[in-house]
C-alpha atoms as a PDB file:
ATOM      1  CA  MET A   1     109.386  98.944 111.180  1.00  0.00           C
ATOM      2  CA  ALA A   2     105.584  98.868 111.147  1.00  0.00           C
ATOM      3  CA  ALA A   3     103.807  95.493 111.126  1.00  0.00           C
ATOM      4  CA  ASP A   4     102.551  96.111 107.574  1.00  0.00           C
ATOM      5  CA  ALA A   5     106.091  96.783 106.343  1.00  0.00           C
ATOM      6  CA  ARG A   6     107.438  93.721 108.195  1.00  0.00           C
ATOM      7  CA  GLY A   7     104.838  91.539 106.522  1.00  0.00           C
ATOM      8  CA  TRP A   8     105.630  93.044 103.135  1.00  0.00           C
ATOM      9  CA  LEU A   9     109.357  92.489 103.685  1.00  0.00           C
ATOM     10  CA  GLU A  10     108.726  88.856 104.706  1.00  0.00           C
ATOM     11  CA  LEU A  11     106.814  88.252 101.470  1.00  0.00           C
ATOM     12  CA  ARG A  12     109.475  89.910  99.333  1.00  0.00           C
ATOM     13  CA  GLN A  13     112.148  87.801 101.028  1.00  0.00           C
ATOM     14  CA  ALA A  14     110.132  84.628 100.508  1.00  0.00           C
ATOM     15  CA  LEU A  15     109.967  85.413  96.784  1.00  0.00           C
ATOM     16  CA  TRP A  16     113.482  86.883  96.428  1.00  0.00           C
ATOM     17  CA  PRO A  17     115.469  85.636  99.459  1.00  0.00           C
ATOM     18  CA  GLU A  18     118.880  86.974  98.513  1.00  0.00           C
ATOM     19  CA  ALA A  19     118.382  90.733  98.708  1.00  0.00           C
ATOM     20  CA  ARG A  20     117.155  92.148 102.050  1.00  0.00           C
ATOM     21  CA  GLU A  21     118.866  95.553 101.703  1.00  0.00           C
ATOM     22  CA  MET A  22     117.596  95.917  98.150  1.00  0.00           C
ATOM     23  CA  HIS A  23     114.069  95.130  99.405  1.00  0.00           C
ATOM     24  CA  LEU A  24     114.267  97.832 102.046  1.00  0.00           C
ATOM     25  CA  ALA A  25     115.491 100.407  99.512  1.00  0.00           C
ATOM     26  CA  GLU A  26     112.830  99.471  96.944  1.00  0.00           C
ATOM     27  CA  MET A  27     110.087  99.453  99.574  1.00  0.00           C
ATOM     28  CA  ALA A  28     111.040 102.977 100.629  1.00  0.00           C
ATOM     29  CA  LEU A  29     111.040 104.131  96.996  1.00  0.00           C
ATOM     30  CA  MET A  30     107.730 102.440  96.230  1.00  0.00           C
ATOM     31  CA  ALA A  31     106.118 103.958  99.314  1.00  0.00           C
ATOM     32  CA  SER A  32     107.069 107.422  98.022  1.00  0.00           C
ATOM     33  CA  GLU A  33     105.975 106.956  94.396  1.00  0.00           C
ATOM     34  CA  GLU A  34     102.426 107.746  93.303  1.00  0.00           C
ATOM     35  CA  THR A  35     102.779 105.325  90.378  1.00  0.00           C
ATOM     36  CA  CYS A  36     103.557 102.367  92.632  1.00  0.00           C
ATOM     37  CA  SER A  37     100.970 100.344  94.462  1.00  0.00           C
ATOM     38  CA  ARG A  38     100.811  97.274  96.614  1.00  0.00           C
ATOM     39  CA  LEU A  39      97.937  94.920  97.247  1.00  0.00           C
ATOM     40  CA  ALA A  40      97.428  92.435 100.021  1.00  0.00           C
ATOM     41  CA  ALA A  41      94.805  89.779 100.582  1.00  0.00           C
ATOM     42  CA  GLN A  42      93.552  88.350 103.830  1.00  0.00           C
ATOM     43  CA  ASP A  43      93.000  84.633 104.055  1.00  0.00           C
ATOM     44  CA  ALA A  44      89.726  82.987 105.080  1.00  0.00           C
ATOM     45  CA  GLY A  45      91.057  82.430 108.596  1.00  0.00           C
ATOM     46  CA  GLY A  46      91.433  86.171 109.065  1.00  0.00           C
ATOM     47  CA  ARG A  47      95.216  86.071 109.063  1.00  0.00           C
ATOM     48  CA  SER A  48      96.959  89.361 108.558  1.00  0.00           C
ATOM     49  CA  ALA A  49      96.619  90.965 105.143  1.00  0.00           C
ATOM     50  CA  ASP A  50     100.402  91.173 105.159  1.00  0.00           C
ATOM     51  CA  ARG A  51     100.711  87.454 104.588  1.00  0.00           C
ATOM     52  CA  ILE A  52      99.596  87.317 100.956  1.00  0.00           C
ATOM     53  CA  ALA A  53     100.669  90.155  98.697  1.00  0.00           C
ATOM     54  CA  HIS A  54     102.471  91.377  95.638  1.00  0.00           C
ATOM     55  CA  ASP A  55     104.085  94.555  94.370  1.00  0.00           C
ATOM     56  CA  PHE A  56     103.268  96.139  91.062  1.00  0.00           C
ATOM     57  CA  ASN A  57     104.028  99.345  89.234  1.00  0.00           C
ATOM     58  CA  ASN A  58     103.679 101.070  85.906  1.00  0.00           C
ATOM     59  CA  LEU A  59     106.930 103.005  85.980  1.00  0.00           C
ATOM     60  CA  LEU A  60     108.369 101.244  82.956  1.00  0.00           C
ATOM     61  CA  THR A  61     107.862 103.039  79.668  1.00  0.00           C
ATOM     62  CA  THR A  62     108.654  99.963  77.589  1.00  0.00           C
ATOM     63  CA  VAL A  63     108.503  96.270  78.338  1.00  0.00           C
ATOM     64  CA  ASN A  64     109.932  93.529  76.128  1.00  0.00           C
ATOM     65  CA  GLY A  65     107.097  91.916  74.200  1.00  0.00           C
ATOM     66  CA  ALA A  66     104.517  94.600  74.989  1.00  0.00           C
ATOM     67  CA  GLN A  67     102.791  96.430  72.163  1.00  0.00           C
ATOM     68  CA  ALA A  68     101.776  99.495  74.197  1.00  0.00           C
ATOM     69  CA  SER A  69     103.656 101.945  76.386  1.00  0.00           C
ATOM     70  CA  PRO A  70     103.420 102.519  79.238  1.00  0.00           C
ATOM     71  CA  VAL A  71     102.149  99.230  80.573  1.00  0.00           C
ATOM     72  CA  GLY A  72     101.199  97.995  84.003  1.00  0.00           C
ATOM     73  CA  PHE A  73     103.875  95.674  85.327  1.00  0.00           C
ATOM     74  CA  LEU A  74     103.388  92.876  87.839  1.00  0.00           C
ATOM     75  CA  GLU A  75     106.717  93.019  89.630  1.00  0.00           C
ATOM     76  CA  GLY A  76     106.135  90.136  91.996  1.00  0.00           C
ATOM     77  CA  LEU A  77     103.399  87.727  92.961  1.00  0.00           C
ATOM     78  CA  TYR A  78     103.661  85.523  96.019  1.00  0.00           C
ATOM     79  CA  VAL A  79     101.027  83.545  97.862  1.00  0.00           C
ATOM     80  CA  VAL A  80     101.981  81.877 101.122  1.00  0.00           C
ATOM     81  CA  PRO A  81     101.972  78.080 100.771  1.00  0.00           C
ATOM     82  CA  HIS A  82      98.913  77.415 102.969  1.00  0.00           C
ATOM     83  CA  ALA A  83      96.795  79.781 100.837  1.00  0.00           C
ATOM     84  CA  ARG A  84      97.737  78.506  97.386  1.00  0.00           C
ATOM     85  CA  ARG A  85      95.207  77.013  94.956  1.00  0.00           C
ATOM     86  CA  GLN A  86      92.370  79.007  96.534  1.00  0.00           C
ATOM     87  CA  GLY A  87      92.070  81.763  93.919  1.00  0.00           C
ATOM     88  CA  VAL A  88      94.209  84.312  95.776  1.00  0.00           C
ATOM     89  CA  ALA A  89      96.665  84.917  92.924  1.00  0.00           C
ATOM     90  CA  ARG A  90      93.797  85.146  90.424  1.00  0.00           C
ATOM     91  CA  ALA A  91      92.005  87.740  92.588  1.00  0.00           C
ATOM     92  CA  LEU A  92      95.166  89.786  93.091  1.00  0.00           C
ATOM     93  CA  VAL A  93      95.999  89.779  89.374  1.00  0.00           C
ATOM     94  CA  ALA A  94      92.418  90.746  88.528  1.00  0.00           C
ATOM     95  CA  GLU A  95      92.773  93.742  90.844  1.00  0.00           C
ATOM     96  CA  VAL A  96      96.133  94.627  89.280  1.00  0.00           C
ATOM     97  CA  ALA A  97      94.457  94.493  85.854  1.00  0.00           C
ATOM     98  CA  ARG A  98      91.696  96.852  87.065  1.00  0.00           C
ATOM     99  CA  TRP A  99      94.321  99.218  88.485  1.00  0.00           C
ATOM    100  CA  THR A 100      96.297  99.041  85.213  1.00  0.00           C
ATOM    101  CA  VAL A 101      93.220 100.052  83.201  1.00  0.00           C
ATOM    102  CA  SER A 102      92.502 102.900  85.647  1.00  0.00           C
ATOM    103  CA  CYS A 103      96.024 104.205  84.920  1.00  0.00           C
ATOM    104  CA  GLY A 104      95.192 104.331  81.217  1.00  0.00           C
ATOM    105  CA  CYS A 105      97.187 101.267  80.253  1.00  0.00           C
ATOM    106  CA  THR A 106      95.933  98.576  77.906  1.00  0.00           C
ATOM    107  CA  GLU A 107      98.462  95.848  78.754  1.00  0.00           C
ATOM    108  CA  LEU A 108      99.703  94.169  81.907  1.00  0.00           C
ATOM    109  CA  ALA A 109     103.197  92.687  81.720  1.00  0.00           C
ATOM    110  CA  SER A 110     105.230  90.477  84.027  1.00  0.00           C
ATOM    111  CA  ASP A 111     108.362  88.376  83.893  1.00  0.00           C
ATOM    112  CA  ALA A 112     109.857  85.210  85.325  1.00  0.00           C
ATOM    113  CA  ALA A 113     113.305  83.666  85.272  1.00  0.00           C
ATOM    114  CA  LEU A 114     113.887  81.212  82.413  1.00  0.00           C
ATOM    115  CA  ALA A 115     114.282  78.304  84.826  1.00  0.00           C
ATOM    116  CA  ASN A 116     111.166  79.101  86.885  1.00  0.00           C
ATOM    117  CA  ALA A 117     108.732  76.685  85.224  1.00  0.00           C
ATOM    118  CA  ALA A 118     106.273  76.958  88.133  1.00  0.00           C
ATOM    119  CA  SER A 119     105.970  80.714  87.597  1.00  0.00           C
ATOM    120  CA  HIS A 120     105.521  80.194  83.854  1.00  0.00           C
ATOM    121  CA  ALA A 121     102.632  77.829  84.572  1.00  0.00           C
ATOM    122  CA  VAL A 122     101.016  80.253  87.022  1.00  0.00           C
ATOM    123  CA  HIS A 123     101.312  83.132  84.558  1.00  0.00           C
ATOM    124  CA  ARG A 124      99.688  81.046  81.814  1.00  0.00           C
ATOM    125  CA  ALA A 125      96.912  79.925  84.172  1.00  0.00           C
ATOM    126  CA  LEU A 126      96.261  83.591  85.020  1.00  0.00           C
ATOM    127  CA  GLY A 127      95.850  84.528  81.357  1.00  0.00           C
ATOM    128  CA  PHE A 128      99.306  85.838  80.484  1.00  0.00           C
ATOM    129  CA  ASP A 129     100.778  84.971  77.082  1.00  0.00           C
ATOM    130  CA  GLU A 130     104.508  84.427  76.743  1.00  0.00           C
ATOM    131  CA  THR A 131     105.970  87.062  74.429  1.00  0.00           C
ATOM    132  CA  GLU A 132     109.687  86.289  74.291  1.00  0.00           C
ATOM    133  CA  ARG A 133     112.644  84.787  76.140  1.00  0.00           C
ATOM    134  CA  VAL A 134     115.845  86.626  76.881  1.00  0.00           C
ATOM    135  CA  VAL A 135     119.232  85.961  78.413  1.00  0.00           C
ATOM    136  CA  PHE A 136     120.885  88.960  80.081  1.00  0.00           C
ATOM    137  CA  PHE A 137     124.642  89.494  79.870  1.00  0.00           C
ATOM    138  CA  ARG A 138     127.092  91.741  81.656  1.00  0.00           C
ATOM    139  CA  LYS A 139     130.741  92.645  81.400  1.00  0.00           C
ATOM    140  CA  LEU A 140     132.769  94.110  84.212  1.00  0.00           C
ATOM    141  CA  VAL A 141     134.764  97.116  83.011  1.00  0.00           C
END
Protein backbone atom coordinates (compact mmCIF):
# COMPACT_ATOMS: atom_id res chain seq x y z
CA MET A 1 0.00 0.00 0.00
CA ALA A 2 1.34 3.43 -0.95
CA ALA A 3 2.25 5.89 1.82
CA ASP A 4 -0.65 8.16 0.83
CA ALA A 5 -3.13 5.28 1.12
CA ARG A 6 -1.63 4.18 4.46
CA GLY A 7 -2.06 7.68 5.83
CA TRP A 8 -5.62 7.84 4.54
CA LEU A 9 -6.40 4.44 6.09
CA GLU A 10 -4.91 5.56 9.43
CA LEU A 11 -7.18 8.62 9.45
CA ARG A 12 -10.27 6.61 8.54
CA GLN A 13 -9.47 4.13 11.32
CA ALA A 14 -8.96 6.94 13.82
CA LEU A 15 -12.43 8.26 12.96
CA TRP A 16 -14.15 4.87 12.49
CA PRO A 17 -11.94 2.30 14.27
CA GLU A 18 -14.16 -0.74 13.89
CA ALA A 19 -14.12 -1.33 10.14
CA ARG A 20 -10.69 -1.83 8.50
CA GLU A 21 -11.92 -4.10 5.68
CA MET A 22 -14.80 -1.75 4.93
CA HIS A 23 -12.30 1.14 4.75
CA LEU A 24 -10.15 -0.71 2.25
CA ALA A 25 -13.16 -1.52 0.06
CA GLU A 26 -14.51 2.04 0.20
CA MET A 27 -11.08 3.53 -0.48
CA ALA A 28 -10.75 1.38 -3.60
CA LEU A 29 -14.22 2.43 -4.77
CA MET A 30 -13.60 6.10 -4.04
CA ALA A 31 -10.28 6.01 -5.89
CA SER A 32 -12.12 4.75 -8.99
CA GLU A 33 -15.06 7.19 -8.89
CA GLU A 34 -14.87 10.56 -10.63
CA THR A 35 -17.51 11.94 -8.25
CA CYS A 36 -15.44 11.17 -5.15
CA SER A 37 -12.63 13.33 -3.88
CA ARG A 38 -10.31 13.46 -0.93
CA LEU A 39 -8.49 16.40 0.57
CA ALA A 40 -5.52 16.47 2.87
CA ALA A 41 -3.83 19.29 4.73
CA GLN A 42 -0.24 19.57 5.81
CA ASP A 43 0.49 20.94 9.25
CA ALA A 44 2.76 23.90 9.96
CA GLY A 45 5.60 21.56 10.91
CA GLY A 46 5.58 20.09 7.42
CA ARG A 47 4.23 16.74 8.54
CA SER A 48 2.85 14.53 5.83
CA ALA A 49 -0.34 15.68 4.14
CA ASP A 50 -1.70 12.24 4.97
CA ARG A 51 -2.02 13.13 8.62
CA ILE A 52 -4.99 15.50 8.40
CA ALA A 53 -7.72 14.65 5.92
CA HIS A 54 -11.31 13.85 5.18
CA ASP A 55 -13.34 12.06 2.54
CA PHE A 56 -16.26 13.61 0.74
CA ASN A 57 -18.51 12.78 -2.17
CA ASN A 58 -21.62 13.88 -3.98
CA LEU A 59 -22.89 10.45 -4.96
CA LEU A 60 -26.06 10.73 -2.92
CA THR A 61 -29.09 11.94 -4.84
CA THR A 62 -31.04 12.79 -1.70
CA VAL A 63 -29.97 13.59 1.83
CA ASN A 64 -32.31 13.83 4.82
CA GLY A 65 -32.94 17.49 5.58
CA ALA A 66 -31.51 18.82 2.31
CA GLN A 67 -33.68 20.93 0.04
CA ALA A 68 -31.68 20.30 -3.15
CA SER A 69 -30.53 17.19 -4.97
CA PRO A 70 -27.85 16.20 -5.55
CA VAL A 71 -25.87 17.69 -2.70
CA GLY A 72 -22.23 17.58 -1.71
CA PHE A 73 -21.77 15.30 1.26
CA LEU A 74 -19.02 15.53 3.86
CA GLU A 75 -18.56 11.85 4.65
CA GLY A 76 -15.91 12.24 7.31
CA LEU A 77 -13.82 14.95 8.90
CA TYR A 78 -10.88 14.15 11.14
CA VAL A 79 -8.05 16.33 12.36
CA VAL A 80 -5.22 14.70 14.28
CA PRO A 81 -5.22 15.81 17.93
CA HIS A 82 -2.02 17.90 17.78
CA ALA A 83 -3.45 19.98 14.89
CA ARG A 84 -6.88 20.73 16.32
CA ARG A 85 -8.10 24.27 17.04
CA GLN A 86 -5.79 25.72 14.38
CA GLY A 87 -8.35 26.24 11.60
CA VAL A 88 -7.61 22.99 9.75
CA ALA A 89 -11.19 21.70 9.79
CA ARG A 90 -12.51 25.12 8.76
CA ALA A 91 -10.07 25.26 5.81
CA LEU A 92 -10.92 21.73 4.70
CA VAL A 93 -14.67 22.35 4.88
CA ALA A 94 -14.25 25.62 2.96
CA GLU A 95 -12.49 23.68 0.21
CA VAL A 96 -15.22 21.03 0.24
CA ALA A 97 -17.79 23.82 -0.13
CA ARG A 98 -15.88 25.24 -3.13
CA TRP A 99 -15.70 21.76 -4.68
CA THR A 100 -19.44 21.25 -4.03
CA VAL A 101 -20.29 24.48 -5.86
CA SER A 102 -18.00 23.49 -8.76
CA CYS A 103 -20.06 20.28 -9.08
CA GLY A 104 -23.21 22.36 -9.48
CA CYS A 105 -24.56 21.71 -6.01
CA THR A 106 -26.06 24.39 -3.79
CA GLU A 107 -25.94 22.52 -0.47
CA LEU A 108 -23.32 20.68 1.53
CA ALA A 109 -24.62 18.00 3.90
CA SER A 110 -23.02 15.90 6.61
CA ASP A 111 -24.08 13.69 9.48
CA ALA A 112 -23.02 12.64 12.95
CA ALA A 113 -24.17 9.97 15.37
CA LEU A 114 -26.83 11.14 17.84
CA ALA A 115 -24.48 10.64 20.79
CA ASN A 116 -21.52 12.46 19.21
CA ALA A 117 -21.98 15.87 20.85
CA ALA A 118 -18.41 16.92 19.97
CA SER A 119 -19.13 16.43 16.27
CA HIS A 120 -22.40 18.34 16.59
CA ALA A 121 -20.49 21.26 18.10
CA VAL A 122 -17.84 21.18 15.36
CA HIS A 123 -20.48 21.09 12.63
CA ARG A 124 -22.27 24.09 14.16
CA ALA A 125 -18.99 25.98 14.53
CA LEU A 126 -18.28 25.31 10.84
CA GLY A 127 -21.62 26.79 9.77
CA PHE A 128 -23.78 23.69 9.43
CA ASP A 129 -27.40 23.85 10.60
CA GLU A 130 -29.01 20.78 12.13
CA THR A 131 -31.91 19.66 9.95
CA GLU A 132 -33.30 16.59 11.70
CA ARG A 133 -32.52 13.65 13.97
CA VAL A 134 -33.14 10.04 13.07
CA VAL A 135 -32.87 6.62 14.65
CA PHE A 136 -32.18 3.76 12.23
CA PHE A 137 -33.77 0.34 12.73
CA ARG A 138 -33.18 -3.08 11.26
CA LYS A 139 -34.81 -6.48 11.37
CA LEU A 140 -33.05 -9.70 10.55
CA VAL A 141 -35.14 -11.81 8.17
